[in-house]
Amino acid sequence: MITHLRGKLVEKNQSYLIIDCHGVGYHIHISSYTYSSSSLLEKEGKNIFIYTYLFIKENQHVLYGFSDKKERQIFSHLISVNGIGPSSAIMLLSSLTPYEIEKSISKEDIKMLNKVKGIGTKIAKRIIIELKDKIEIIPRKGKNIKKLLENTPYLIKKEALSALSVLGFSPQESKTVLDDILDENPEFSLENLIKESLKKIVKS
């Protein structure tokens, strides 16, 4: 079992990474949650560390990567559910954070899970029934935890970070500015978030 990799980031995409480890290139599937995490703010050519899960089925050997152990744990739980494969698990983790998934299961919030493409009511109920006794919500530290657990605009922030990166702004600086803005204006739309962040970055 390959549990983690440390190596040079050769290529980064919203759905996969290619990491060079001592001359061997690993193709790693990732979620949007991992793509936008602080651990992947490094540019191509820099060294990174990522947790992994090797999925083996018949002739398939597919490597999945995660920014933290919590996401990998949720992925492992999800693929243990009948009818949920790795692709569906990654889709869930790209639409909801690991903590939002845990909360949905704990609160038996079928509607939240239904928001994810490909997850119908029947599958959502199955996820809740099979995983309710396996998860344990552990509060995260930091001033944004309350909003994170209450369906924060995670995807809006991800899109804004990507847009600012395309415009040539530093990912780390952009992330800091976006966090500050969302702390004060959690209801902001993507358009307003980008406009406000551009004002702050230009002024700094």
C-alpha atoms as a PDB file:
ATOM      1  CA  MET A   1       0.000   0.000   0.000  1.00  0.00           C
ATOM      2  CA  ILE A   2       1.355   3.429  -0.969  1.00  0.00           C
ATOM      3  CA  THR A   3       0.378   5.715   1.931  1.00  0.00           C
ATOM      4  CA  HIS A   4       2.049   8.945   0.852  1.00  0.00           C
ATOM      5  CA  LEU A   5       4.413  10.521  -1.652  1.00  0.00           C
ATOM      6  CA  ARG A   6       7.012  13.244  -1.390  1.00  0.00           C
ATOM      7  CA  GLY A   7       8.506  14.541  -4.616  1.00  0.00           C
ATOM      8  CA  LYS A   8       8.648  17.239  -7.272  1.00  0.00           C
ATOM      9  CA  LEU A   9       5.367  18.564  -8.620  1.00  0.00           C
ATOM     10  CA  VAL A  10       5.606  18.075 -12.393  1.00  0.00           C
ATOM     11  CA  GLU A  11       2.039  18.937 -13.359  1.00  0.00           C
ATOM     12  CA  LYS A  12      -1.014  20.203 -11.483  1.00  0.00           C
ATOM     13  CA  ASN A  13      -4.595  20.006 -12.706  1.00  0.00           C
ATOM     14  CA  GLN A  14      -7.948  20.320 -10.898  1.00  0.00           C
ATOM     15  CA  SER A  15      -8.461  16.562 -11.251  1.00  0.00           C
ATOM     16  CA  TYR A  16      -4.939  15.144 -11.060  1.00  0.00           C
ATOM     17  CA  LEU A  17      -1.282  15.672 -10.181  1.00  0.00           C
ATOM     18  CA  ILE A  18       1.897  14.237 -11.595  1.00  0.00           C
ATOM     19  CA  ILE A  19       4.669  13.895  -9.027  1.00  0.00           C
ATOM     20  CA  ASP A  20       8.241  12.847  -9.766  1.00  0.00           C
ATOM     21  CA  CYS A  21       9.707  10.684  -7.010  1.00  0.00           C
ATOM     22  CA  HIS A  22      13.349   9.824  -7.722  1.00  0.00           C
ATOM     23  CA  GLY A  23      12.752   9.654 -11.467  1.00  0.00           C
ATOM     24  CA  VAL A  24       9.409   7.823 -11.312  1.00  0.00           C
ATOM     25  CA  GLY A  25       6.331   9.813 -12.326  1.00  0.00           C
ATOM     26  CA  TYR A  26       3.109   9.117 -10.394  1.00  0.00           C
ATOM     27  CA  HIS A  27      -0.287  10.106 -11.811  1.00  0.00           C
ATOM     28  CA  ILE A  28      -2.540  10.915  -8.855  1.00  0.00           C
ATOM     29  CA  HIS A  29      -6.269  11.644  -9.001  1.00  0.00           C
ATOM     30  CA  ILE A  30      -7.403  14.408  -6.627  1.00  0.00           C
ATOM     31  CA  SER A  31     -10.538  16.257  -5.537  1.00  0.00           C
ATOM     32  CA  SER A  32     -11.200  19.989  -5.804  1.00  0.00           C
ATOM     33  CA  TYR A  33     -10.773  20.115  -2.022  1.00  0.00           C
ATOM     34  CA  THR A  34      -7.180  18.917  -2.337  1.00  0.00           C
ATOM     35  CA  TYR A  35      -6.500  21.069  -5.403  1.00  0.00           C
ATOM     36  CA  SER A  36      -7.381  24.258  -3.518  1.00  0.00           C
ATOM     37  CA  SER A  37      -5.687  23.284  -0.242  1.00  0.00           C
ATOM     38  CA  SER A  38      -2.769  25.279   1.128  1.00  0.00           C
ATOM     39  CA  SER A  39      -0.492  22.246   0.784  1.00  0.00           C
ATOM     40  CA  LEU A  40      -0.794  22.470  -3.018  1.00  0.00           C
ATOM     41  CA  LEU A  41      -0.095  26.169  -3.408  1.00  0.00           C
ATOM     42  CA  GLU A  42       3.426  25.318  -4.502  1.00  0.00           C
ATOM     43  CA  LYS A  43       4.205  25.888  -8.167  1.00  0.00           C
ATOM     44  CA  GLU A  44       5.271  23.163 -10.569  1.00  0.00           C
ATOM     45  CA  GLY A  45       8.872  22.166 -10.012  1.00  0.00           C
ATOM     46  CA  LYS A  46       8.617  22.472  -6.220  1.00  0.00           C
ATOM     47  CA  ASN A  47       8.618  19.575  -3.757  1.00  0.00           C
ATOM     48  CA  ILE A  48       5.310  18.611  -2.158  1.00  0.00           C
ATOM     49  CA  PHE A  49       3.948  15.967   0.215  1.00  0.00           C
ATOM     50  CA  ILE A  50       0.606  14.253  -0.299  1.00  0.00           C
ATOM     51  CA  TYR A  51      -1.277  11.381   1.362  1.00  0.00           C
ATOM     52  CA  THR A  52      -2.385   8.635  -1.000  1.00  0.00           C
ATOM     53  CA  TYR A  53      -4.720   5.679  -1.385  1.00  0.00           C
ATOM     54  CA  LEU A  54      -3.993   2.925  -3.910  1.00  0.00           C
ATOM     55  CA  PHE A  55      -7.243   1.540  -5.316  1.00  0.00           C
ATOM     56  CA  ILE A  56      -6.898  -1.970  -6.713  1.00  0.00           C
ATOM     57  CA  LYS A  57      -9.664  -3.726  -8.625  1.00  0.00           C
ATOM     58  CA  GLU A  58      -9.051  -6.549 -11.091  1.00  0.00           C
ATOM     59  CA  ASN A  59      -6.532  -5.055 -13.542  1.00  0.00           C
ATOM     60  CA  GLN A  60      -6.872  -1.510 -12.217  1.00  0.00           C
ATOM     61  CA  HIS A  61      -4.260   0.133 -10.008  1.00  0.00           C
ATOM     62  CA  VAL A  62      -5.283   3.769  -9.503  1.00  0.00           C
ATOM     63  CA  LEU A  63      -3.627   6.203  -7.112  1.00  0.00           C
ATOM     64  CA  TYR A  64      -5.678   8.882  -5.330  1.00  0.00           C
ATOM     65  CA  GLY A  65      -4.154  11.808  -3.458  1.00  0.00           C
ATOM     66  CA  PHE A  66      -5.337  13.837  -0.455  1.00  0.00           C
ATOM     67  CA  SER A  67      -4.199  17.003   1.261  1.00  0.00           C
ATOM     68  CA  ASP A  68      -4.783  15.549   4.734  1.00  0.00           C
ATOM     69  CA  LYS A  69      -5.546  12.303   6.535  1.00  0.00           C
ATOM     70  CA  LYS A  70      -9.134  13.324   7.239  1.00  0.00           C
ATOM     71  CA  GLU A  71      -9.983  13.534   3.534  1.00  0.00           C
ATOM     72  CA  ARG A  72      -8.335  10.158   2.909  1.00  0.00           C
ATOM     73  CA  GLN A  73     -10.317   8.647   5.766  1.00  0.00           C
ATOM     74  CA  ILE A  74     -13.611   9.948   4.379  1.00  0.00           C
ATOM     75  CA  PHE A  75     -12.667   8.656   0.913  1.00  0.00           C
ATOM     76  CA  SER A  76     -11.961   5.216   2.400  1.00  0.00           C
ATOM     77  CA  HIS A  77     -15.315   5.210   4.196  1.00  0.00           C
ATOM     78  CA  LEU A  78     -17.222   6.314   1.102  1.00  0.00           C
ATOM     79  CA  ILE A  79     -15.841   3.628  -1.210  1.00  0.00           C
ATOM     80  CA  SER A  80     -16.821   1.001   1.360  1.00  0.00           C
ATOM     81  CA  VAL A  81     -20.468   1.874   0.703  1.00  0.00           C
ATOM     82  CA  ASN A  82     -22.179  -0.364  -1.836  1.00  0.00           C
ATOM     83  CA  GLY A  83     -22.706   1.641  -5.017  1.00  0.00           C
ATOM     84  CA  ILE A  84     -20.020   4.248  -4.292  1.00  0.00           C
ATOM     85  CA  GLY A  85     -16.847   3.877  -6.330  1.00  0.00           C
ATOM     86  CA  PRO A  86     -13.701   6.042  -6.272  1.00  0.00           C
ATOM     87  CA  SER A  87     -15.070   8.425  -8.921  1.00  0.00           C
ATOM     88  CA  SER A  88     -18.233   9.074  -6.916  1.00  0.00           C
ATOM     89  CA  ALA A  89     -16.200   9.510  -3.729  1.00  0.00           C
ATOM     90  CA  ILE A  90     -13.963  12.092  -5.419  1.00  0.00           C
ATOM     91  CA  MET A  91     -17.046  13.857  -6.772  1.00  0.00           C
ATOM     92  CA  LEU A  92     -18.424  14.089  -3.232  1.00  0.00           C
ATOM     93  CA  LEU A  93     -15.116  15.454  -1.938  1.00  0.00           C
ATOM     94  CA  SER A  94     -15.020  17.978  -4.781  1.00  0.00           C
ATOM     95  CA  SER A  95     -18.487  19.283  -3.936  1.00  0.00           C
ATOM     96  CA  LEU A  96     -18.398  19.106  -0.131  1.00  0.00           C
ATOM     97  CA  THR A  97     -15.542  19.326   2.338  1.00  0.00           C
ATOM     98  CA  PRO A  98     -14.755  16.229   4.444  1.00  0.00           C
ATOM     99  CA  TYR A  99     -16.313  17.987   7.424  1.00  0.00           C
ATOM    100  CA  GLU A 100     -19.491  18.836   5.527  1.00  0.00           C
ATOM    101  CA  ILE A 101     -19.804  15.184   4.504  1.00  0.00           C
ATOM    102  CA  GLU A 102     -19.351  14.083   8.115  1.00  0.00           C
ATOM    103  CA  LYS A 103     -21.936  16.583   9.273  1.00  0.00           C
ATOM    104  CA  SER A 104     -24.398  15.481   6.572  1.00  0.00           C
ATOM    105  CA  ILE A 105     -24.054  11.869   7.682  1.00  0.00           C
ATOM    106  CA  SER A 106     -24.241  12.706  11.382  1.00  0.00           C
ATOM    107  CA  LYS A 107     -27.334  14.898  10.914  1.00  0.00           C
ATOM    108  CA  GLU A 108     -28.831  12.515   8.342  1.00  0.00           C
ATOM    109  CA  ASP A 109     -29.019  15.430   5.925  1.00  0.00           C
ATOM    110  CA  ILE A 110     -30.072  13.705   2.710  1.00  0.00           C
ATOM    111  CA  LYS A 111     -30.712  17.005   0.908  1.00  0.00           C
ATOM    112  CA  MET A 112     -27.106  18.099   1.359  1.00  0.00           C
ATOM    113  CA  LEU A 113     -25.796  14.873  -0.177  1.00  0.00           C
ATOM    114  CA  ASN A 114     -28.390  15.134  -2.969  1.00  0.00           C
ATOM    115  CA  LYS A 115     -26.739  18.375  -4.103  1.00  0.00           C
ATOM    116  CA  VAL A 116     -23.782  16.362  -5.383  1.00  0.00           C
ATOM    117  CA  LYS A 117     -24.051  15.285  -9.012  1.00  0.00           C
ATOM    118  CA  GLY A 118     -24.860  11.587  -9.305  1.00  0.00           C
ATOM    119  CA  ILE A 119     -25.924  11.147  -5.682  1.00  0.00           C
ATOM    120  CA  GLY A 120     -29.626  10.370  -5.579  1.00  0.00           C
ATOM    121  CA  THR A 121     -31.826   9.884  -2.535  1.00  0.00           C
ATOM    122  CA  LYS A 122     -31.336   6.112  -2.488  1.00  0.00           C
ATOM    123  CA  ILE A 123     -27.530   6.373  -2.499  1.00  0.00           C
ATOM    124  CA  ALA A 124     -27.599   9.245   0.029  1.00  0.00           C
ATOM    125  CA  LYS A 125     -29.652   7.127   2.432  1.00  0.00           C
ATOM    126  CA  ARG A 126     -27.263   4.212   1.962  1.00  0.00           C
ATOM    127  CA  ILE A 127     -24.264   6.434   2.757  1.00  0.00           C
ATOM    128  CA  ILE A 128     -25.920   7.627   5.957  1.00  0.00           C
ATOM    129  CA  ILE A 129     -27.018   4.160   7.083  1.00  0.00           C
ATOM    130  CA  GLU A 130     -23.669   2.478   6.415  1.00  0.00           C
ATOM    131  CA  LEU A 131     -21.398   5.246   7.714  1.00  0.00           C
ATOM    132  CA  LYS A 132     -23.310   6.869  10.563  1.00  0.00           C
ATOM    133  CA  ASP A 133     -21.584   4.685  13.166  1.00  0.00           C
ATOM    134  CA  LYS A 134     -18.141   5.015  11.574  1.00  0.00           C
ATOM    135  CA  ILE A 135     -17.647   8.764  11.564  1.00  0.00           C
ATOM    136  CA  GLU A 136     -16.654  11.043  14.389  1.00  0.00           C
ATOM    137  CA  ILE A 137     -16.772  14.784  13.906  1.00  0.00           C
ATOM    138  CA  ILE A 138     -13.675  16.396  15.383  1.00  0.00           C
ATOM    139  CA  PRO A 139     -13.846  20.208  15.545  1.00  0.00           C
ATOM    140  CA  ARG A 140     -11.132  21.991  13.607  1.00  0.00           C
ATOM    141  CA  LYS A 141      -9.159  24.858  15.063  1.00  0.00           C
ATOM    142  CA  GLY A 142      -9.406  28.337  13.598  1.00  0.00           C
ATOM    143  CA  LYS A 143     -11.841  31.200  13.258  1.00  0.00           C
ATOM    144  CA  ASN A 144     -13.516  29.779  10.141  1.00  0.00           C
ATOM    145  CA  ILE A 145     -14.603  26.410  11.597  1.00  0.00           C
ATOM    146  CA  LYS A 146     -18.174  27.478  12.364  1.00  0.00           C
ATOM    147  CA  LYS A 147     -18.774  28.667   8.825  1.00  0.00           C
ATOM    148  CA  LEU A 148     -17.015  25.622   7.365  1.00  0.00           C
ATOM    149  CA  LEU A 149     -19.393  23.294   9.198  1.00  0.00           C
ATOM    150  CA  GLU A 150     -22.394  25.365   8.105  1.00  0.00           C
ATOM    151  CA  ASN A 151     -21.953  24.937   4.355  1.00  0.00           C
ATOM    152  CA  THR A 152     -19.468  27.745   3.650  1.00  0.00           C
ATOM    153  CA  PRO A 153     -18.972  29.037   0.069  1.00  0.00           C
ATOM    154  CA  TYR A 154     -16.114  26.578  -0.369  1.00  0.00           C
ATOM    155  CA  LEU A 155     -16.601  26.176  -4.108  1.00  0.00           C
ATOM    156  CA  ILE A 156     -16.899  29.948  -4.618  1.00  0.00           C
ATOM    157  CA  LYS A 157     -13.599  30.458  -2.814  1.00  0.00           C
ATOM    158  CA  LYS A 158     -11.994  27.735  -4.929  1.00  0.00           C
ATOM    159  CA  GLU A 159     -13.140  29.381  -8.163  1.00  0.00           C
ATOM    160  CA  ALA A 160     -12.000  32.810  -6.972  1.00  0.00           C
ATOM    161  CA  LEU A 161      -8.564  31.447  -6.055  1.00  0.00           C
ATOM    162  CA  SER A 162      -8.267  29.859  -9.490  1.00  0.00           C
ATOM    163  CA  ALA A 163      -9.318  33.098 -11.225  1.00  0.00           C
ATOM    164  CA  LEU A 164      -6.796  35.186  -9.282  1.00  0.00           C
ATOM    165  CA  SER A 165      -4.076  32.671 -10.066  1.00  0.00           C
ATOM    166  CA  VAL A 166      -4.823  33.001 -13.790  1.00  0.00           C
ATOM    167  CA  LEU A 167      -4.502  36.769 -13.429  1.00  0.00           C
ATOM    168  CA  GLY A 168      -0.982  36.265 -12.101  1.00  0.00           C
ATOM    169  CA  PHE A 169      -1.482  36.900  -8.395  1.00  0.00           C
ATOM    170  CA  SER A 170       0.321  34.872  -5.730  1.00  0.00           C
ATOM    171  CA  PRO A 171      -1.832  31.922  -4.522  1.00  0.00           C
ATOM    172  CA  GLN A 172      -0.747  32.451  -0.920  1.00  0.00           C
ATOM    173  CA  GLU A 173      -1.538  36.180  -0.977  1.00  0.00           C
ATOM    174  CA  SER A 174      -4.837  35.530  -2.741  1.00  0.00           C
ATOM    175  CA  LYS A 175      -5.860  32.879  -0.207  1.00  0.00           C
ATOM    176  CA  THR A 176      -5.171  35.242   2.705  1.00  0.00           C
ATOM    177  CA  VAL A 177      -7.200  38.038   1.105  1.00  0.00           C
ATOM    178  CA  LEU A 178     -10.095  35.703   0.235  1.00  0.00           C
ATOM    179  CA  ASP A 179     -10.217  34.341   3.805  1.00  0.00           C
ATOM    180  CA  ASP A 180     -10.347  37.871   5.227  1.00  0.00           C
ATOM    181  CA  ILE A 181     -13.135  38.912   2.869  1.00  0.00           C
ATOM    182  CA  LEU A 182     -15.222  35.787   3.520  1.00  0.00           C
ATOM    183  CA  ASP A 183     -14.837  36.253   7.266  1.00  0.00           C
ATOM    184  CA  GLU A 184     -16.689  39.554   6.943  1.00  0.00           C
ATOM    185  CA  ASN A 185     -18.907  38.749   3.947  1.00  0.00           C
ATOM    186  CA  PRO A 186     -19.704  34.999   3.848  1.00  0.00           C
ATOM    187  CA  GLU A 187     -22.688  35.686   1.576  1.00  0.00           C
ATOM    188  CA  PHE A 188     -20.594  37.186  -1.251  1.00  0.00           C
ATOM    189  CA  SER A 189     -21.150  35.903  -4.786  1.00  0.00           C
ATOM    190  CA  LEU A 190     -18.178  34.785  -6.891  1.00  0.00           C
ATOM    191  CA  GLU A 191     -18.244  38.040  -8.865  1.00  0.00           C
ATOM    192  CA  ASN A 192     -18.288  40.232  -5.737  1.00  0.00           C
ATOM    193  CA  LEU A 193     -15.605  38.130  -4.078  1.00  0.00           C
ATOM    194  CA  ILE A 194     -13.230  38.529  -7.036  1.00  0.00           C
ATOM    195  CA  LYS A 195     -13.922  42.279  -7.349  1.00  0.00           C
ATOM    196  CA  GLU A 196     -13.299  42.904  -3.647  1.00  0.00           C
ATOM    197  CA  SER A 197     -10.171  40.766  -3.560  1.00  0.00           C
ATOM    198  CA  LEU A 198      -8.709  42.611  -6.566  1.00  0.00           C
ATOM    199  CA  LYS A 199      -9.241  45.926  -4.761  1.00  0.00           C
ATOM    200  CA  LYS A 200      -7.442  44.683  -1.651  1.00  0.00           C
ATOM    201  CA  ILE A 201      -4.560  43.064  -3.521  1.00  0.00           C
ATOM    202  CA  VAL A 202      -3.946  46.145  -5.671  1.00  0.00           C
ATOM    203  CA  LYS A 203      -3.948  48.385  -2.577  1.00  0.00           C
ATOM    204  CA  SER A 204      -1.485  46.186  -0.683  1.00  0.00           C
END
